[in-house]
């Protein structure tokens, strides 16, 4: 207890303020890097095929198929991890706010 029976309040340190600013910036950088990796990891398929279904007298052409490469999967995983860090950070910051007295 401090003077006049008021609780002592700790002032936030510079390290806490720096950490509060660095975490969302790094998470946003991870989201952007993941999106870039996923975008650059796309490969156009260079093969074509079709299948004939004799009972329906119709055929299926796979020329509009998109293959998801390992680079695209890694990029999307990095972007999702960055979004999860941002969501955790936002929830943590909202939970640590002092409550308002009504």
N, C-alpha and C. Protein backbone atom coordinates (compact mmCIF):
# COMPACT_ATOMS: atom_id res chain seq x y z
N UNK A 1 0.84 -1.17 0.00
CA UNK A 1 0.00 0.00 0.00
C UNK A 1 0.89 1.23 0.00
N UNK A 2 0.46 2.17 -0.74
CA UNK A 2 1.20 3.41 -0.84
C UNK A 2 0.66 4.46 0.12
N UNK A 3 0.98 5.66 -0.18
CA UNK A 3 0.54 6.76 0.65
C UNK A 3 -0.97 6.93 0.55
N UNK A 4 -1.63 7.28 1.62
CA UNK A 4 -3.08 7.49 1.68
C UNK A 4 -3.87 6.22 1.33
N UNK A 5 -3.31 5.09 1.70
CA UNK A 5 -3.97 3.81 1.49
C UNK A 5 -4.34 3.54 0.04
N UNK A 6 -3.55 4.00 -0.87
CA UNK A 6 -3.77 3.68 -2.29
C UNK A 6 -2.75 2.63 -2.70
N UNK A 7 -3.15 1.69 -3.49
CA UNK A 7 -2.20 0.64 -3.90
C UNK A 7 -1.11 1.23 -4.79
N UNK A 8 0.09 0.67 -4.64
CA UNK A 8 1.20 1.10 -5.49
C UNK A 8 0.94 0.61 -6.91
N UNK A 9 1.16 1.50 -7.84
CA UNK A 9 0.97 1.13 -9.24
C UNK A 9 2.33 1.13 -9.92
N UNK A 10 2.59 0.05 -10.64
CA UNK A 10 3.84 -0.03 -11.38
C UNK A 10 3.66 0.67 -12.72
N UNK A 11 4.62 1.46 -13.06
CA UNK A 11 4.60 2.11 -14.36
C UNK A 11 5.15 1.12 -15.39
N UNK A 12 4.55 1.09 -16.58
CA UNK A 12 5.04 0.15 -17.60
C UNK A 12 6.46 0.53 -18.03
N UNK A 13 7.28 -0.48 -18.21
CA UNK A 13 8.66 -0.23 -18.61
C UNK A 13 8.74 -0.01 -20.12
N UNK A 14 9.87 0.50 -20.57
CA UNK A 14 10.07 0.70 -22.00
C UNK A 14 10.10 -0.62 -22.75
N UNK A 15 10.61 -1.66 -22.09
CA UNK A 15 10.68 -2.97 -22.74
C UNK A 15 9.29 -3.50 -23.03
N UNK A 16 8.34 -3.27 -22.14
CA UNK A 16 6.97 -3.74 -22.37
C UNK A 16 6.34 -2.99 -23.54
N UNK A 17 6.59 -1.71 -23.62
CA UNK A 17 6.06 -0.93 -24.74
C UNK A 17 6.69 -1.33 -26.06
N UNK A 18 7.99 -1.62 -26.04
CA UNK A 18 8.67 -2.06 -27.25
C UNK A 18 8.16 -3.44 -27.68
N UNK A 19 7.98 -4.34 -26.72
CA UNK A 19 7.47 -5.67 -27.03
C UNK A 19 6.05 -5.59 -27.58
N UNK A 20 5.26 -4.68 -27.04
CA UNK A 20 3.88 -4.53 -27.51
C UNK A 20 3.83 -4.03 -28.95
N UNK A 21 4.85 -3.32 -29.38
CA UNK A 21 4.87 -2.82 -30.75
C UNK A 21 5.54 -3.80 -31.72
N UNK A 22 6.48 -4.60 -31.22
CA UNK A 22 7.23 -5.49 -32.09
C UNK A 22 6.41 -6.72 -32.48
N UNK A 23 5.65 -7.27 -31.57
CA UNK A 23 4.90 -8.51 -31.85
C UNK A 23 3.93 -8.34 -33.01
N UNK A 24 3.07 -7.31 -33.05
CA UNK A 24 2.17 -7.21 -34.20
C UNK A 24 2.89 -6.90 -35.51
N UNK A 25 3.99 -6.17 -35.44
CA UNK A 25 4.74 -5.87 -36.66
C UNK A 25 5.35 -7.15 -37.23
N UNK A 26 5.92 -7.99 -36.36
CA UNK A 26 6.47 -9.26 -36.83
C UNK A 26 5.39 -10.19 -37.35
N UNK A 27 4.22 -10.19 -36.71
CA UNK A 27 3.12 -11.03 -37.18
C UNK A 27 2.62 -10.57 -38.54
N UNK A 28 2.51 -9.27 -38.74
CA UNK A 28 2.11 -8.75 -40.05
C UNK A 28 3.14 -9.08 -41.12
N UNK A 29 4.42 -9.01 -40.75
CA UNK A 29 5.47 -9.37 -41.69
C UNK A 29 5.37 -10.84 -42.07
N UNK A 30 5.04 -11.70 -41.09
CA UNK A 30 4.88 -13.13 -41.39
C UNK A 30 3.69 -13.37 -42.31
N UNK A 31 2.60 -12.64 -42.10
CA UNK A 31 1.43 -12.79 -42.98
C UNK A 31 1.79 -12.37 -44.41
N UNK A 32 2.44 -11.24 -44.55
CA UNK A 32 2.83 -10.76 -45.88
C UNK A 32 3.83 -11.70 -46.55
N UNK A 33 4.82 -12.18 -45.79
CA UNK A 33 5.80 -13.10 -46.36
C UNK A 33 5.14 -14.41 -46.77
N UNK A 34 4.23 -14.90 -45.95
CA UNK A 34 3.52 -16.12 -46.30
C UNK A 34 2.69 -15.97 -47.55
N UNK A 35 2.03 -14.83 -47.68
CA UNK A 35 1.23 -14.59 -48.89
C UNK A 35 2.12 -14.51 -50.13
N UNK A 36 3.28 -13.86 -50.00
CA UNK A 36 4.21 -13.78 -51.13
C UNK A 36 4.75 -15.15 -51.52
N UNK A 37 5.09 -15.95 -50.52
CA UNK A 37 5.60 -17.29 -50.81
C UNK A 37 4.52 -18.13 -51.48
N UNK A 38 3.29 -18.03 -50.98
CA UNK A 38 2.19 -18.79 -51.57
C UNK A 38 1.90 -18.33 -52.99
N UNK A 39 1.97 -17.03 -53.22
CA UNK A 39 1.68 -16.50 -54.55
C UNK A 39 2.75 -16.92 -55.56
N UNK A 40 4.01 -16.89 -55.13
CA UNK A 40 5.11 -17.25 -56.03
C UNK A 40 5.28 -18.75 -56.16
N UNK A 41 4.63 -19.53 -55.31
CA UNK A 41 4.77 -20.98 -55.36
C UNK A 41 3.82 -21.65 -56.32
N UNK A 42 3.00 -20.89 -57.01
CA UNK A 42 2.04 -21.48 -57.94
C UNK A 42 2.77 -21.99 -59.19
N UNK A 43 2.37 -23.17 -59.62
CA UNK A 43 2.96 -23.76 -60.82
C UNK A 43 1.81 -24.11 -61.76
N UNK A 44 1.94 -23.69 -62.99
CA UNK A 44 0.95 -24.04 -64.00
C UNK A 44 1.18 -25.49 -64.41
N UNK A 45 0.12 -26.23 -64.49
CA UNK A 45 0.28 -27.63 -64.89
C UNK A 45 0.57 -27.69 -66.39
N UNK A 46 1.55 -28.51 -66.76
CA UNK A 46 1.94 -28.59 -68.16
C UNK A 46 1.48 -29.91 -68.80
N UNK A 47 0.61 -30.59 -68.14
CA UNK A 47 0.11 -31.82 -68.72
C UNK A 47 -1.41 -31.72 -68.83
N UNK A 48 -1.96 -32.48 -69.69
CA UNK A 48 -3.40 -32.47 -69.86
C UNK A 48 -3.92 -33.89 -70.01
N UNK A 49 -5.13 -34.09 -69.63
CA UNK A 49 -5.73 -35.39 -69.78
C UNK A 49 -7.24 -35.24 -69.81
N UNK A 50 -7.91 -36.26 -70.24
CA UNK A 50 -9.36 -36.25 -70.20
C UNK A 50 -9.83 -37.68 -69.93
N UNK A 51 -11.04 -37.78 -69.46
CA UNK A 51 -11.61 -39.09 -69.18
C UNK A 51 -12.97 -39.17 -69.87
N UNK A 52 -13.27 -40.33 -70.41
CA UNK A 52 -14.53 -40.53 -71.10
C UNK A 52 -15.41 -41.45 -70.26
N UNK A 53 -16.63 -41.02 -70.05
CA UNK A 53 -17.61 -41.83 -69.32
C UNK A 53 -18.62 -42.35 -70.33
N UNK A 54 -18.50 -43.61 -70.74
CA UNK A 54 -19.35 -44.11 -71.83
C UNK A 54 -20.83 -44.19 -71.47
N UNK A 55 -21.18 -44.34 -70.21
CA UNK A 55 -22.58 -44.47 -69.86
C UNK A 55 -23.33 -43.13 -69.98
N UNK A 56 -22.63 -42.04 -69.72
CA UNK A 56 -23.30 -40.74 -69.79
C UNK A 56 -22.98 -40.00 -71.09
N UNK A 57 -22.15 -40.58 -71.93
CA UNK A 57 -21.72 -39.94 -73.18
C UNK A 57 -21.15 -38.54 -72.93
N UNK A 58 -20.37 -38.42 -71.89
CA UNK A 58 -19.77 -37.14 -71.52
C UNK A 58 -18.29 -37.37 -71.24
N UNK A 59 -17.51 -36.32 -71.26
CA UNK A 59 -16.11 -36.45 -70.93
C UNK A 59 -15.71 -35.37 -69.93
N UNK A 60 -14.63 -35.63 -69.22
CA UNK A 60 -14.11 -34.71 -68.22
C UNK A 60 -12.72 -34.29 -68.66
N UNK A 61 -12.50 -33.00 -68.67
CA UNK A 61 -11.20 -32.47 -69.04
C UNK A 61 -10.56 -31.85 -67.80
N UNK A 62 -9.34 -32.22 -67.49
CA UNK A 62 -8.65 -31.71 -66.32
C UNK A 62 -7.78 -30.51 -66.60
N UNK A 63 -8.04 -29.78 -67.68
CA UNK A 63 -7.18 -28.66 -68.04
C UNK A 63 -7.33 -27.47 -67.11
N UNK A 64 -8.43 -27.37 -66.38
CA UNK A 64 -8.62 -26.24 -65.48
C UNK A 64 -8.27 -26.60 -64.04
N UNK A 65 -7.59 -27.71 -63.84
CA UNK A 65 -7.20 -28.14 -62.52
C UNK A 65 -6.02 -27.33 -62.02
N UNK A 66 -6.00 -27.04 -60.73
CA UNK A 66 -4.90 -26.31 -60.13
C UNK A 66 -4.24 -27.23 -59.11
N UNK A 67 -2.93 -27.35 -59.22
CA UNK A 67 -2.18 -28.16 -58.27
C UNK A 67 -1.64 -27.26 -57.17
N UNK A 68 -1.78 -27.71 -55.94
CA UNK A 68 -1.25 -26.94 -54.81
C UNK A 68 0.13 -27.50 -54.50
N UNK A 69 1.15 -26.71 -54.73
CA UNK A 69 2.52 -27.15 -54.54
C UNK A 69 2.91 -27.05 -53.07
N UNK A 70 4.05 -27.63 -52.75
CA UNK A 70 4.53 -27.58 -51.38
C UNK A 70 4.89 -26.14 -50.98
N UNK A 71 5.40 -25.36 -51.91
CA UNK A 71 5.71 -23.95 -51.62
C UNK A 71 4.46 -23.16 -51.28
N UNK A 72 3.38 -23.43 -51.98
CA UNK A 72 2.11 -22.76 -51.69
C UNK A 72 1.60 -23.17 -50.32
N UNK A 73 1.71 -24.44 -49.99
CA UNK A 73 1.26 -24.91 -48.68
C UNK A 73 2.08 -24.28 -47.55
N UNK A 74 3.39 -24.18 -47.74
CA UNK A 74 4.25 -23.58 -46.72
C UNK A 74 3.91 -22.10 -46.56
N UNK A 75 3.72 -21.40 -47.67
CA UNK A 75 3.36 -19.98 -47.61
C UNK A 75 2.05 -19.75 -46.88
N UNK A 76 1.06 -20.58 -47.19
CA UNK A 76 -0.23 -20.45 -46.50
C UNK A 76 -0.10 -20.78 -45.01
N UNK A 77 0.73 -21.75 -44.66
CA UNK A 77 0.94 -22.08 -43.25
C UNK A 77 1.60 -20.92 -42.51
N UNK A 78 2.56 -20.25 -43.15
CA UNK A 78 3.22 -19.09 -42.52
C UNK A 78 2.21 -17.96 -42.33
N UNK A 79 1.37 -17.72 -43.33
CA UNK A 79 0.37 -16.66 -43.22
C UNK A 79 -0.64 -16.97 -42.12
N UNK A 80 -1.06 -18.21 -42.01
CA UNK A 80 -2.01 -18.59 -40.96
C UNK A 80 -1.37 -18.45 -39.59
N UNK A 81 -0.10 -18.83 -39.46
CA UNK A 81 0.60 -18.68 -38.18
C UNK A 81 0.68 -17.19 -37.80
N UNK A 82 0.96 -16.33 -38.75
CA UNK A 82 0.99 -14.89 -38.47
C UNK A 82 -0.36 -14.36 -38.04
N UNK A 83 -1.42 -14.84 -38.68
CA UNK A 83 -2.77 -14.42 -38.28
C UNK A 83 -3.13 -14.92 -36.88
N UNK A 84 -2.68 -16.12 -36.54
CA UNK A 84 -2.93 -16.64 -35.19
C UNK A 84 -2.19 -15.82 -34.14
N UNK A 85 -0.96 -15.42 -34.43
CA UNK A 85 -0.21 -14.58 -33.50
C UNK A 85 -0.90 -13.23 -33.34
N UNK A 86 -1.38 -12.65 -34.44
CA UNK A 86 -2.11 -11.38 -34.35
C UNK A 86 -3.38 -11.52 -33.52
N UNK A 87 -4.13 -12.61 -33.70
CA UNK A 87 -5.35 -12.81 -32.93
C UNK A 87 -5.03 -13.00 -31.45
N UNK A 88 -3.99 -13.77 -31.13
CA UNK A 88 -3.60 -13.95 -29.74
C UNK A 88 -3.17 -12.63 -29.12
N UNK A 89 -2.37 -11.86 -29.86
CA UNK A 89 -1.89 -10.58 -29.34
C UNK A 89 -3.05 -9.62 -29.07
N UNK A 90 -4.01 -9.56 -30.00
CA UNK A 90 -5.15 -8.65 -29.82
C UNK A 90 -5.98 -9.08 -28.62
N UNK A 91 -6.22 -10.37 -28.45
CA UNK A 91 -6.97 -10.84 -27.29
C UNK A 91 -6.23 -10.58 -25.99
N UNK A 92 -4.92 -10.76 -26.01
CA UNK A 92 -4.12 -10.51 -24.82
C UNK A 92 -4.15 -9.04 -24.43
N UNK A 93 -4.02 -8.18 -25.44
CA UNK A 93 -4.04 -6.74 -25.15
C UNK A 93 -5.40 -6.28 -24.64
N UNK A 94 -6.47 -6.82 -25.24
CA UNK A 94 -7.81 -6.44 -24.77
C UNK A 94 -8.08 -6.97 -23.37
N UNK A 95 -7.54 -8.13 -23.06
CA UNK A 95 -7.75 -8.71 -21.73
C UNK A 95 -6.97 -8.00 -20.64
N UNK A 96 -5.89 -7.35 -20.98
CA UNK A 96 -5.06 -6.66 -19.98
C UNK A 96 -5.47 -5.21 -19.75
N UNK A 97 -6.44 -4.73 -20.55
CA UNK A 97 -6.88 -3.34 -20.35
C UNK A 97 -7.55 -3.21 -18.99
N UNK A 98 -7.37 -2.09 -18.33
CA UNK A 98 -8.07 -1.91 -17.05
C UNK A 98 -9.57 -1.74 -17.31
N UNK A 99 -10.34 -2.30 -16.41
CA UNK A 99 -11.79 -2.19 -16.56
C UNK A 99 -12.25 -0.81 -16.13
N UNK A 100 -13.26 -0.34 -16.82
CA UNK A 100 -13.80 0.99 -16.49
C UNK A 100 -14.81 0.84 -15.35
N UNK A 101 -14.76 1.77 -14.46
CA UNK A 101 -15.72 1.80 -13.36
C UNK A 101 -16.98 2.53 -13.81
N UNK A 102 -18.12 1.92 -13.62
CA UNK A 102 -19.37 2.56 -14.01
C UNK A 102 -19.93 3.41 -12.92
